[in-house]
Amino acid sequence: MTPLEEWARRPRAERLARLGRTPGDVAAAFRGVDPAALTRRPDEKNWAPIEILCHLRDSEASFLDRLRQIMATDEPRFPTVNPNQIAAERRYLEQSLAGALEAFHRHRDATLTFFAMRAEADWARAGHQMDSRGRRTVDDFLGVMAWHDENHLAQLARALRGEA
């Protein structure tokens, strides 16, 4: 079983708790970090710490947008995105740590509010990823988001140590 599949099987309360802890975990990871380390990539392929944070920020906004579309539309379809292309286009390496942290916290607060407002039937509503991921329910998205947080927190810890 993959880590994503493991997260999907965890109780909803555990997945929501992971989402609730992440902003604090991310902020703690950046406390006292040398500003020069923020834009230092571990290698040519892996992101620098600021790029990881910006990815979390923009992914959060995207996840929330998709979740809102699911609630507003029957079975919406979502385009495939390329995170590396987005990082380059939005110039993640030039972003402000404080601004990216604030925006991530704001987006996550909105996401947690979204989830808190769901009736039981809402969790079964779904949309379709236009890539190999296929149909995902609101509950599936929660599992993906919890796994996404864990995955990128580990990546952030490695990047801050200068490891790939």
N, C-alpha and C. Protein backbone atom coordinates (compact mmCIF):
# COMPACT_ATOMS: atom_id res chain seq x y z
N MET A 1 0.85 -1.18 0.00
CA MET A 1 0.00 0.00 0.00
C MET A 1 0.89 1.24 0.00
N THR A 2 0.55 2.19 -0.84
CA THR A 2 1.34 3.42 -0.93
C THR A 2 1.00 4.33 0.26
N PRO A 3 1.87 5.31 0.54
CA PRO A 3 1.55 6.28 1.60
C PRO A 3 0.24 7.02 1.33
N LEU A 4 -0.04 7.33 0.08
CA LEU A 4 -1.30 7.99 -0.26
C LEU A 4 -2.48 7.10 0.09
N GLU A 5 -2.40 5.83 -0.26
CA GLU A 5 -3.48 4.89 0.07
C GLU A 5 -3.63 4.73 1.58
N GLU A 6 -2.52 4.75 2.30
CA GLU A 6 -2.59 4.67 3.75
C GLU A 6 -3.33 5.87 4.33
N TRP A 7 -3.01 7.06 3.82
CA TRP A 7 -3.70 8.26 4.31
C TRP A 7 -5.20 8.20 3.99
N ALA A 8 -5.53 7.68 2.83
CA ALA A 8 -6.94 7.60 2.43
C ALA A 8 -7.75 6.73 3.38
N ARG A 9 -7.12 5.76 4.01
CA ARG A 9 -7.81 4.83 4.92
C ARG A 9 -7.91 5.34 6.35
N ARG A 10 -7.17 6.37 6.66
CA ARG A 10 -7.19 6.87 8.04
C ARG A 10 -8.52 7.57 8.33
N PRO A 11 -8.91 7.60 9.59
CA PRO A 11 -10.17 8.27 9.94
C PRO A 11 -10.15 9.74 9.52
N ARG A 12 -11.31 10.22 9.18
CA ARG A 12 -11.44 11.61 8.73
C ARG A 12 -10.86 12.58 9.77
N ALA A 13 -11.14 12.34 11.05
CA ALA A 13 -10.64 13.23 12.09
C ALA A 13 -9.11 13.29 12.10
N GLU A 14 -8.45 12.18 11.83
CA GLU A 14 -6.99 12.15 11.78
C GLU A 14 -6.47 12.94 10.58
N ARG A 15 -7.14 12.80 9.45
CA ARG A 15 -6.73 13.54 8.26
C ARG A 15 -6.94 15.04 8.46
N LEU A 16 -8.06 15.42 9.07
CA LEU A 16 -8.30 16.83 9.37
C LEU A 16 -7.28 17.38 10.37
N ALA A 17 -6.93 16.57 11.35
CA ALA A 17 -5.93 17.00 12.34
C ALA A 17 -4.59 17.26 11.67
N ARG A 18 -4.22 16.41 10.69
CA ARG A 18 -2.96 16.64 9.97
C ARG A 18 -3.00 18.00 9.29
N LEU A 19 -4.12 18.31 8.63
CA LEU A 19 -4.25 19.60 7.96
C LEU A 19 -4.16 20.74 8.96
N GLY A 20 -4.76 20.56 10.13
CA GLY A 20 -4.73 21.60 11.15
C GLY A 20 -3.34 21.86 11.71
N ARG A 21 -2.51 20.83 11.79
CA ARG A 21 -1.15 20.98 12.34
C ARG A 21 -0.15 21.56 11.34
N THR A 22 -0.40 21.39 10.08
CA THR A 22 0.60 21.72 9.07
C THR A 22 1.06 23.18 9.09
N PRO A 23 0.18 24.17 9.19
CA PRO A 23 0.69 25.55 9.20
C PRO A 23 1.71 25.80 10.32
N GLY A 24 1.44 25.28 11.48
CA GLY A 24 2.38 25.44 12.59
C GLY A 24 3.68 24.69 12.34
N ASP A 25 3.57 23.50 11.77
CA ASP A 25 4.75 22.71 11.46
C ASP A 25 5.62 23.42 10.42
N VAL A 26 4.98 24.00 9.42
CA VAL A 26 5.72 24.71 8.38
C VAL A 26 6.40 25.95 8.97
N ALA A 27 5.66 26.72 9.75
CA ALA A 27 6.25 27.92 10.35
C ALA A 27 7.42 27.55 11.25
N ALA A 28 7.28 26.49 12.04
CA ALA A 28 8.35 26.05 12.93
C ALA A 28 9.59 25.65 12.13
N ALA A 29 9.39 25.00 11.00
CA ALA A 29 10.52 24.55 10.18
C ALA A 29 11.36 25.73 9.70
N PHE A 30 10.72 26.87 9.47
CA PHE A 30 11.44 28.03 8.95
C PHE A 30 12.02 28.94 10.04
N ARG A 31 11.67 28.72 11.30
CA ARG A 31 12.18 29.58 12.37
C ARG A 31 13.70 29.48 12.46
N GLY A 32 14.33 30.63 12.44
CA GLY A 32 15.78 30.68 12.61
C GLY A 32 16.60 30.25 11.42
N VAL A 33 15.95 30.01 10.28
CA VAL A 33 16.67 29.56 9.09
C VAL A 33 17.43 30.73 8.48
N ASP A 34 18.67 30.45 8.11
CA ASP A 34 19.50 31.43 7.41
C ASP A 34 18.79 31.82 6.11
N PRO A 35 18.55 33.12 5.88
CA PRO A 35 17.86 33.53 4.65
C PRO A 35 18.49 32.99 3.37
N ALA A 36 19.79 32.80 3.36
CA ALA A 36 20.45 32.26 2.16
C ALA A 36 20.02 30.83 1.88
N ALA A 37 19.63 30.10 2.92
CA ALA A 37 19.21 28.71 2.75
C ALA A 37 17.83 28.59 2.08
N LEU A 38 17.06 29.67 2.12
CA LEU A 38 15.69 29.62 1.58
C LEU A 38 15.66 29.33 0.08
N THR A 39 16.64 29.81 -0.63
CA THR A 39 16.64 29.67 -2.10
C THR A 39 17.69 28.67 -2.58
N ARG A 40 18.29 27.95 -1.67
CA ARG A 40 19.32 26.98 -2.03
C ARG A 40 18.68 25.63 -2.34
N ARG A 41 18.83 25.20 -3.58
CA ARG A 41 18.31 23.90 -3.98
C ARG A 41 19.32 22.81 -3.60
N PRO A 42 18.82 21.67 -3.11
CA PRO A 42 19.73 20.57 -2.76
C PRO A 42 20.48 20.02 -3.97
N ASP A 43 19.85 20.09 -5.13
CA ASP A 43 20.46 19.68 -6.39
C ASP A 43 19.66 20.32 -7.52
N GLU A 44 20.01 20.02 -8.75
CA GLU A 44 19.35 20.69 -9.88
C GLU A 44 17.89 20.25 -10.07
N LYS A 45 17.51 19.13 -9.46
CA LYS A 45 16.17 18.59 -9.66
C LYS A 45 15.20 18.95 -8.52
N ASN A 46 15.69 19.07 -7.32
CA ASN A 46 14.82 19.27 -6.15
C ASN A 46 14.69 20.73 -5.78
N TRP A 47 13.52 21.05 -5.23
CA TRP A 47 13.19 22.43 -4.89
C TRP A 47 13.91 22.92 -3.65
N ALA A 48 14.11 24.24 -3.63
CA ALA A 48 14.61 24.95 -2.45
C ALA A 48 13.47 25.08 -1.45
N PRO A 49 13.79 25.34 -0.17
CA PRO A 49 12.73 25.49 0.84
C PRO A 49 11.63 26.49 0.46
N ILE A 50 11.99 27.65 -0.08
CA ILE A 50 10.96 28.64 -0.43
C ILE A 50 10.06 28.11 -1.55
N GLU A 51 10.61 27.32 -2.45
CA GLU A 51 9.79 26.75 -3.52
C GLU A 51 8.79 25.75 -2.97
N ILE A 52 9.20 24.98 -1.98
CA ILE A 52 8.29 24.02 -1.36
C ILE A 52 7.14 24.75 -0.68
N LEU A 53 7.48 25.81 0.06
CA LEU A 53 6.44 26.60 0.71
C LEU A 53 5.48 27.21 -0.31
N CYS A 54 6.00 27.77 -1.37
CA CYS A 54 5.13 28.37 -2.40
C CYS A 54 4.26 27.30 -3.06
N HIS A 55 4.81 26.11 -3.25
CA HIS A 55 4.01 25.01 -3.79
C HIS A 55 2.88 24.66 -2.83
N LEU A 56 3.17 24.58 -1.55
CA LEU A 56 2.12 24.31 -0.56
C LEU A 56 1.04 25.39 -0.61
N ARG A 57 1.47 26.64 -0.67
CA ARG A 57 0.53 27.77 -0.74
C ARG A 57 -0.37 27.67 -1.96
N ASP A 58 0.23 27.46 -3.14
CA ASP A 58 -0.55 27.44 -4.37
C ASP A 58 -1.37 26.17 -4.51
N SER A 59 -0.84 25.06 -4.01
CA SER A 59 -1.62 23.82 -4.02
C SER A 59 -2.86 23.96 -3.14
N GLU A 60 -2.68 24.61 -2.00
CA GLU A 60 -3.80 24.81 -1.08
C GLU A 60 -4.91 25.60 -1.76
N ALA A 61 -4.54 26.66 -2.44
CA ALA A 61 -5.54 27.46 -3.16
C ALA A 61 -6.21 26.63 -4.24
N SER A 62 -5.44 25.82 -4.94
CA SER A 62 -5.98 24.98 -6.00
C SER A 62 -6.91 23.90 -5.45
N PHE A 63 -6.48 23.24 -4.37
CA PHE A 63 -7.34 22.23 -3.74
C PHE A 63 -8.68 22.85 -3.33
N LEU A 64 -8.62 24.01 -2.69
CA LEU A 64 -9.85 24.65 -2.22
C LEU A 64 -10.74 25.04 -3.39
N ASP A 65 -10.14 25.55 -4.45
CA ASP A 65 -10.93 25.89 -5.64
C ASP A 65 -11.63 24.65 -6.20
N ARG A 66 -10.92 23.55 -6.27
CA ARG A 66 -11.51 22.32 -6.79
C ARG A 66 -12.61 21.80 -5.87
N LEU A 67 -12.38 21.87 -4.58
CA LEU A 67 -13.41 21.43 -3.63
C LEU A 67 -14.67 22.28 -3.77
N ARG A 68 -14.50 23.57 -3.93
CA ARG A 68 -15.67 24.45 -4.11
C ARG A 68 -16.38 24.15 -5.42
N GLN A 69 -15.63 23.84 -6.47
CA GLN A 69 -16.25 23.46 -7.74
C GLN A 69 -17.07 22.18 -7.59
N ILE A 70 -16.55 21.24 -6.83
CA ILE A 70 -17.28 19.98 -6.60
C ILE A 70 -18.61 20.26 -5.92
N MET A 71 -18.63 21.19 -4.99
CA MET A 71 -19.87 21.50 -4.29
C MET A 71 -20.85 22.29 -5.16
N ALA A 72 -20.32 23.03 -6.13
CA ALA A 72 -21.17 23.88 -6.96
C ALA A 72 -21.62 23.21 -8.25
N THR A 73 -20.93 22.16 -8.68
CA THR A 73 -21.16 21.54 -9.98
C THR A 73 -21.14 20.03 -9.83
N ASP A 74 -21.97 19.36 -10.60
CA ASP A 74 -21.94 17.90 -10.57
C ASP A 74 -20.76 17.38 -11.38
N GLU A 75 -19.88 16.66 -10.71
CA GLU A 75 -18.76 15.96 -11.35
C GLU A 75 -17.91 16.86 -12.26
N PRO A 76 -17.40 17.99 -11.74
CA PRO A 76 -16.56 18.86 -12.58
C PRO A 76 -15.28 18.13 -13.01
N ARG A 77 -14.66 18.65 -14.04
CA ARG A 77 -13.40 18.09 -14.55
C ARG A 77 -12.29 19.11 -14.30
N PHE A 78 -11.14 18.60 -13.84
CA PHE A 78 -10.01 19.46 -13.49
C PHE A 78 -8.83 19.17 -14.39
N PRO A 79 -8.21 20.21 -14.94
CA PRO A 79 -7.06 20.01 -15.83
C PRO A 79 -5.84 19.51 -15.05
N THR A 80 -4.96 18.88 -15.77
CA THR A 80 -3.68 18.47 -15.21
C THR A 80 -2.80 19.71 -15.07
N VAL A 81 -2.05 19.78 -13.98
CA VAL A 81 -1.14 20.90 -13.77
C VAL A 81 0.29 20.37 -13.67
N ASN A 82 1.23 21.22 -13.99
CA ASN A 82 2.64 20.87 -13.90
C ASN A 82 3.27 21.75 -12.82
N PRO A 83 3.52 21.19 -11.62
CA PRO A 83 4.05 22.00 -10.52
C PRO A 83 5.39 22.69 -10.84
N ASN A 84 6.26 22.04 -11.60
CA ASN A 84 7.54 22.66 -11.94
C ASN A 84 7.34 23.87 -12.85
N GLN A 85 6.39 23.76 -13.76
CA GLN A 85 6.09 24.89 -14.65
C GLN A 85 5.51 26.05 -13.85
N ILE A 86 4.61 25.75 -12.93
CA ILE A 86 4.02 26.79 -12.09
C ILE A 86 5.10 27.47 -11.26
N ALA A 87 6.02 26.68 -10.69
CA ALA A 87 7.11 27.25 -9.89
C ALA A 87 7.95 28.23 -10.70
N ALA A 88 8.23 27.87 -11.94
CA ALA A 88 9.02 28.75 -12.80
C ALA A 88 8.22 30.00 -13.19
N GLU A 89 6.97 29.80 -13.62
CA GLU A 89 6.14 30.92 -14.06
C GLU A 89 5.89 31.93 -12.94
N ARG A 90 5.68 31.42 -11.73
CA ARG A 90 5.37 32.30 -10.60
C ARG A 90 6.63 32.74 -9.84
N ARG A 91 7.76 32.32 -10.33
CA ARG A 91 9.05 32.74 -9.79
C ARG A 91 9.15 32.49 -8.29
N TYR A 92 8.93 31.26 -7.91
CA TYR A 92 8.95 30.88 -6.51
C TYR A 92 10.25 31.28 -5.79
N LEU A 93 11.36 31.20 -6.47
CA LEU A 93 12.63 31.51 -5.82
C LEU A 93 12.74 32.98 -5.40
N GLU A 94 11.88 33.82 -5.96
CA GLU A 94 11.91 35.25 -5.65
C GLU A 94 10.84 35.66 -4.63
N GLN A 95 10.09 34.70 -4.14
CA GLN A 95 8.98 35.00 -3.23
C GLN A 95 9.47 35.31 -1.82
N SER A 96 8.68 36.07 -1.10
CA SER A 96 8.96 36.43 0.29
C SER A 96 8.49 35.31 1.22
N LEU A 97 9.35 34.95 2.16
CA LEU A 97 8.99 33.93 3.14
C LEU A 97 7.75 34.36 3.93
N ALA A 98 7.75 35.57 4.45
CA ALA A 98 6.63 36.04 5.27
C ALA A 98 5.33 36.05 4.47
N GLY A 99 5.39 36.54 3.25
CA GLY A 99 4.19 36.60 2.42
C GLY A 99 3.66 35.22 2.06
N ALA A 100 4.56 34.30 1.74
CA ALA A 100 4.15 32.94 1.39
C ALA A 100 3.56 32.21 2.60
N LEU A 101 4.19 32.39 3.77
CA LEU A 101 3.65 31.77 4.99
C LEU A 101 2.26 32.31 5.31
N GLU A 102 2.11 33.62 5.23
CA GLU A 102 0.80 34.24 5.55
C GLU A 102 -0.27 33.73 4.60
N ALA A 103 0.05 33.67 3.31
CA ALA A 103 -0.94 33.22 2.33
C ALA A 103 -1.27 31.75 2.53
N PHE A 104 -0.28 30.91 2.83
CA PHE A 104 -0.56 29.50 3.09
C PHE A 104 -1.49 29.37 4.30
N HIS A 105 -1.20 30.08 5.37
CA HIS A 105 -2.06 30.03 6.57
C HIS A 105 -3.49 30.47 6.23
N ARG A 106 -3.60 31.53 5.47
CA ARG A 106 -4.94 32.04 5.10
C ARG A 106 -5.71 31.03 4.27
N HIS A 107 -5.04 30.44 3.27
CA HIS A 107 -5.70 29.43 2.43
C HIS A 107 -6.09 28.20 3.26
N ARG A 108 -5.19 27.78 4.16
CA ARG A 108 -5.49 26.59 4.97
C ARG A 108 -6.66 26.86 5.91
N ASP A 109 -6.71 28.04 6.49
CA ASP A 109 -7.85 28.38 7.35
C ASP A 109 -9.16 28.27 6.56
N ALA A 110 -9.16 28.76 5.33
CA ALA A 110 -10.35 28.68 4.49
C ALA A 110 -10.70 27.22 4.18
N THR A 111 -9.69 26.40 3.95
CA THR A 111 -9.92 24.98 3.67
C THR A 111 -10.53 24.29 4.89
N LEU A 112 -9.97 24.55 6.06
CA LEU A 112 -10.50 23.93 7.27
C LEU A 112 -11.94 24.37 7.53
N THR A 113 -12.24 25.62 7.24
CA THR A 113 -13.62 26.10 7.37
C THR A 113 -14.52 25.37 6.37
N PHE A 114 -14.04 25.21 5.15
CA PHE A 114 -14.79 24.48 4.13
C PHE A 114 -15.13 23.08 4.63
N PHE A 115 -14.14 22.35 5.12
CA PHE A 115 -14.38 20.99 5.59
C PHE A 115 -15.33 20.97 6.79
N ALA A 116 -15.19 21.93 7.68
CA ALA A 116 -16.04 21.98 8.88
C ALA A 116 -17.51 22.18 8.53
N MET A 117 -17.80 22.78 7.39
CA MET A 117 -19.17 23.06 6.98
C MET A 117 -19.83 21.92 6.21
N ARG A 118 -19.14 20.82 5.99
CA ARG A 118 -19.67 19.75 5.17
C ARG A 118 -20.68 18.89 5.92
N ALA A 119 -21.80 18.63 5.23
CA ALA A 119 -22.76 17.64 5.70
C ALA A 119 -22.25 16.27 5.27
N GLU A 120 -22.74 15.22 5.87
CA GLU A 120 -22.22 13.88 5.57
C GLU A 120 -22.33 13.55 4.08
N ALA A 121 -23.40 13.93 3.43
CA ALA A 121 -23.57 13.62 2.00
C ALA A 121 -22.55 14.35 1.12
N ASP A 122 -22.07 15.49 1.58
CA ASP A 122 -21.11 16.27 0.80
C ASP A 122 -19.81 15.51 0.56
N TRP A 123 -19.42 14.67 1.49
CA TRP A 123 -18.14 13.97 1.40
C TRP A 123 -18.07 13.01 0.23
N ALA A 124 -19.23 12.62 -0.30
CA ALA A 124 -19.29 11.69 -1.44
C ALA A 124 -19.33 12.41 -2.79
N ARG A 125 -19.53 13.72 -2.78
CA ARG A 125 -19.52 14.46 -4.05
C ARG A 125 -18.12 14.37 -4.66
N ALA A 126 -18.04 14.46 -5.99
CA ALA A 126 -16.74 14.22 -6.63
C ALA A 126 -16.52 15.08 -7.86
N GLY A 127 -15.25 15.12 -8.25
CA GLY A 127 -14.80 15.72 -9.50
C GLY A 127 -13.80 14.77 -10.13
N HIS A 128 -13.39 15.11 -11.34
CA HIS A 128 -12.49 14.23 -12.10
C HIS A 128 -11.20 14.93 -12.44
N GLN A 129 -10.07 14.33 -12.06
CA GLN A 129 -8.76 14.77 -12.49
C GLN A 129 -8.61 14.29 -13.93
N MET A 130 -8.13 15.14 -14.80
CA MET A 130 -8.03 14.78 -16.21
C MET A 130 -6.75 14.01 -16.52
N ASP A 131 -6.06 13.57 -15.49
CA ASP A 131 -4.89 12.72 -15.68
C ASP A 131 -5.22 11.34 -15.13
N SER A 132 -4.25 10.59 -14.78
CA SER A 132 -4.46 9.21 -14.35
C SER A 132 -5.13 9.08 -12.99
N ARG A 133 -5.27 10.17 -12.26
CA ARG A 133 -5.85 10.08 -10.92
C ARG A 133 -7.36 9.89 -10.95
N GLY A 134 -8.02 10.30 -12.01
CA GLY A 134 -9.44 10.02 -12.18
C GLY A 134 -10.36 10.70 -11.20
N ARG A 135 -11.44 10.01 -10.85
CA ARG A 135 -12.51 10.56 -10.01
C ARG A 135 -12.06 10.60 -8.54
N ARG A 136 -12.32 11.75 -7.91
CA ARG A 136 -12.00 11.91 -6.50
C ARG A 136 -13.16 12.60 -5.79
N THR A 137 -13.54 12.01 -4.66
CA THR A 137 -14.58 12.60 -3.83
C THR A 137 -13.97 13.67 -2.93
N VAL A 138 -14.83 14.42 -2.26
CA VAL A 138 -14.36 15.39 -1.28
C VAL A 138 -13.54 14.66 -0.21
N ASP A 139 -14.03 13.50 0.21
CA ASP A 139 -13.29 12.71 1.20
C ASP A 139 -11.94 12.25 0.64
N ASP A 140 -11.90 11.87 -0.63
CA ASP A 140 -10.62 11.50 -1.26
C ASP A 140 -9.66 12.69 -1.24
N PHE A 141 -10.17 13.87 -1.56
CA PHE A 141 -9.31 15.06 -1.55
C PHE A 141 -8.71 15.29 -0.17
N LEU A 142 -9.48 15.05 0.87
CA LEU A 142 -8.96 15.21 2.23
C LEU A 142 -7.77 14.28 2.45
N GLY A 143 -7.88 13.04 2.01
CA GLY A 143 -6.77 12.10 2.14
C GLY A 143 -5.56 12.54 1.33
N VAL A 144 -5.80 13.00 0.11
CA VAL A 144 -4.71 13.49 -0.75
C VAL A 144 -4.02 14.67 -0.07
N MET A 145 -4.79 15.58 0.48
CA MET A 145 -4.22 16.77 1.10
C MET A 145 -3.39 16.41 2.34
N ALA A 146 -3.88 15.48 3.15
CA ALA A 146 -3.12 15.06 4.34
C ALA A 146 -1.81 14.41 3.92
N TRP A 147 -1.87 13.52 2.93
CA TRP A 147 -0.65 12.90 2.40
C TRP A 147 0.28 13.96 1.81
N HIS A 148 -0.27 14.90 1.05
CA HIS A 148 0.49 15.97 0.41
C HIS A 148 1.26 16.77 1.48
N ASP A 149 0.60 17.08 2.58
CA ASP A 149 1.26 17.80 3.66
C ASP A 149 2.44 16.99 4.20
N GLU A 150 2.20 15.73 4.54
CA GLU A 150 3.27 14.88 5.09
C GLU A 150 4.44 14.78 4.11
N ASN A 151 4.12 14.56 2.85
CA ASN A 151 5.15 14.41 1.82
C ASN A 151 6.02 15.66 1.72
N HIS A 152 5.38 16.83 1.69
CA HIS A 152 6.14 18.06 1.50
C HIS A 152 6.79 18.55 2.80
N LEU A 153 6.25 18.19 3.95
CA LEU A 153 6.96 18.51 5.19
C LEU A 153 8.28 17.73 5.26
N ALA A 154 8.25 16.48 4.84
CA ALA A 154 9.50 15.68 4.80
C ALA A 154 10.47 16.27 3.77
N GLN A 155 9.95 16.66 2.62
CA GLN A 155 10.79 17.27 1.59
C GLN A 155 11.40 18.58 2.10
N LEU A 156 10.59 19.37 2.82
CA LEU A 156 11.07 20.63 3.37
C LEU A 156 12.20 20.38 4.38
N ALA A 157 12.02 19.41 5.25
CA ALA A 157 13.07 19.09 6.23
C ALA A 157 14.37 18.72 5.54
N ARG A 158 14.27 17.90 4.49
CA ARG A 158 15.48 17.53 3.73
C ARG A 158 16.11 18.74 3.06
N ALA A 159 15.29 19.57 2.43
CA ALA A 159 15.82 20.73 1.72
C ALA A 159 16.51 21.70 2.69
N LEU A 160 15.95 21.87 3.87
CA LEU A 160 16.57 22.76 4.86
C LEU A 160 17.91 22.21 5.36
N ARG A 161 18.07 20.90 5.28
CA ARG A 161 19.36 20.27 5.63
C ARG A 161 20.30 20.24 4.42
N GLY A 162 19.80 20.65 3.25
CA GLY A 162 20.60 20.62 2.03
C GLY A 162 20.64 19.26 1.38
N GLU A 163 19.65 18.41 1.70
CA GLU A 163 19.58 17.05 1.15
C GLU A 163 18.45 16.95 0.13
N ALA A 164 18.65 16.09 -0.85
CA ALA A 164 17.64 15.89 -1.89
C ALA A 164 16.52 14.99 -1.43
